[in-house]
Protein backbone atom coordinates (compact mmCIF):
# COMPACT_ATOMS: atom_id res chain seq x y z
CA UNK A 1 -65.12 18.45 -108.37
CA UNK A 2 -64.66 22.10 -107.76
CA UNK A 3 -65.03 23.91 -103.99
CA UNK A 4 -66.41 27.11 -103.57
CA UNK A 5 -64.45 30.20 -102.36
CA UNK A 6 -65.73 29.82 -99.01
CA UNK A 7 -65.32 25.89 -98.64
CA UNK A 8 -61.56 26.84 -99.97
CA UNK A 9 -61.24 29.08 -96.50
CA UNK A 10 -62.76 27.57 -94.50
CA UNK A 11 -60.65 24.45 -95.77
CA UNK A 12 -57.93 26.04 -94.91
CA UNK A 13 -59.01 27.58 -91.18
CA UNK A 14 -59.95 24.25 -90.22
CA UNK A 15 -56.23 22.37 -91.18
CA UNK A 16 -53.78 25.09 -89.83
CA UNK A 17 -56.24 25.90 -86.42
CA UNK A 18 -55.83 22.13 -85.68
CA UNK A 19 -51.50 22.67 -85.14
CA UNK A 20 -50.84 23.28 -82.07
CA UNK A 21 -50.58 26.34 -80.76
CA UNK A 22 -52.33 28.20 -83.38
CA UNK A 23 -54.51 30.95 -83.11
CA UNK A 24 -56.36 33.71 -85.37
CA UNK A 25 -56.78 37.44 -85.35
CA UNK A 26 -58.22 39.25 -87.97
CA UNK A 27 -56.36 41.90 -89.89
CA UNK A 28 -57.42 45.40 -91.17
CA UNK A 29 -58.60 44.14 -94.28
CA UNK A 30 -61.24 41.50 -93.31
CA UNK A 31 -58.27 38.32 -93.63
CA UNK A 32 -58.01 35.90 -91.29
CA UNK A 33 -53.83 36.22 -89.24
CA UNK A 34 -52.93 32.79 -88.37
CA UNK A 35 -49.70 33.19 -85.31
CA UNK A 36 -48.22 30.85 -83.22
CA UNK A 37 -46.12 32.21 -80.02
CA UNK A 38 -46.89 35.52 -80.96
CA UNK A 39 -45.88 35.21 -84.68
CA UNK A 40 -47.62 35.43 -87.60
CA UNK A 41 -47.13 32.64 -89.77
CA UNK A 42 -49.02 34.23 -92.64
CA UNK A 43 -52.88 35.28 -93.72
CA UNK A 44 -55.53 34.15 -96.01
CA UNK A 45 -58.21 36.60 -97.44
CA UNK A 46 -61.19 34.15 -97.39
CA UNK A 47 -60.27 31.59 -99.74
CA UNK A 48 -58.94 33.54 -102.67
CA UNK A 49 -55.45 34.44 -101.89
CA UNK A 50 -52.74 34.05 -99.38
CA UNK A 51 -50.04 36.06 -98.61
CA UNK A 52 -47.19 34.68 -96.86
CA UNK A 53 -43.52 35.84 -94.83
CA UNK A 54 -40.60 34.05 -95.54
CA UNK A 55 -37.05 34.52 -94.65
CA UNK A 56 -35.42 35.71 -98.29
CA UNK A 57 -33.57 32.78 -99.06
CA UNK A 58 -36.37 30.54 -98.37
CA UNK A 59 -38.98 32.68 -100.43
CA UNK A 60 -36.56 33.20 -103.14
CA UNK A 61 -36.88 28.98 -103.34
CA UNK A 62 -40.35 29.03 -103.08
CA UNK A 63 -40.86 31.50 -105.73
CA UNK A 64 -38.07 29.86 -108.04
CA UNK A 65 -39.52 26.39 -107.76
CA UNK A 66 -42.96 28.28 -109.05
CA UNK A 67 -44.92 27.34 -105.38
CA UNK A 68 -45.84 31.11 -104.38
CA UNK A 69 -45.43 34.63 -106.10
CA UNK A 70 -43.88 37.42 -104.83
CA UNK A 71 -45.95 39.67 -102.39
CA UNK A 72 -48.32 41.44 -104.87
CA UNK A 73 -48.48 44.75 -103.36
CA UNK A 74 -44.11 44.18 -102.13
CA UNK A 75 -42.80 42.03 -104.05
CA UNK A 76 -38.97 43.25 -103.57
CA UNK A 77 -39.79 41.62 -99.26
CA UNK A 78 -40.00 38.05 -97.81
CA UNK A 79 -43.73 38.40 -97.99
CA UNK A 80 -44.98 35.92 -100.75
CA UNK A 81 -48.52 35.89 -102.64
CA UNK A 82 -50.26 32.76 -103.58
CA UNK A 83 -53.72 33.29 -105.27
CA UNK A 84 -56.23 30.46 -104.59
CA UNK A 85 -58.21 29.29 -107.13
CA UNK A 86 -58.60 25.25 -106.57
CA UNK A 87 -58.39 23.06 -104.11
CA UNK A 88 -54.68 22.10 -105.43
CA UNK A 89 -53.96 26.22 -104.94
CA UNK A 90 -55.24 25.73 -101.01
CA UNK A 91 -54.04 22.16 -100.44
CA UNK A 92 -50.59 24.29 -101.80
CA UNK A 93 -51.24 27.37 -98.76
CA UNK A 94 -51.69 24.65 -96.10
CA UNK A 95 -48.28 23.36 -97.29
CA UNK A 96 -46.56 26.51 -97.23
CA UNK A 97 -47.88 27.66 -94.11
CA UNK A 98 -46.71 24.60 -92.90
CA UNK A 99 -43.22 25.34 -93.96
CA UNK A 100 -43.59 28.75 -91.83
CA UNK A 101 -45.30 26.97 -88.75
CA UNK A 102 -42.21 24.18 -88.78
CA UNK A 103 -39.60 27.29 -89.21
CA UNK A 104 -40.97 29.10 -86.78
CA UNK A 105 -41.78 26.47 -84.07
CA UNK A 106 -38.64 25.20 -84.82
CA UNK A 107 -36.77 28.35 -83.59
CA UNK A 108 -38.10 28.90 -79.87
């Protein structure tokens, strides 16, 4: 079954905001930013794109594994971009956000 871009966005938002301490903020480009303990763990542009920052080592591992790609504007940074076209991509965006959530909350 194919779900719409709006359904993918809602699925991601619902899942991620269910994690302890997560709040959302709106960005200047209409993105939904997911924040925990004052730190962004990444943001989504509706249900079509996720931008998630990682330390460079983790970013390089995730890109090499094909789980995400370099950031579409800043490809040499620790940021990544995942284009969300399917339900599986939405689930992968959630998994990547969870990696960052776990990393950030375990540092606190």
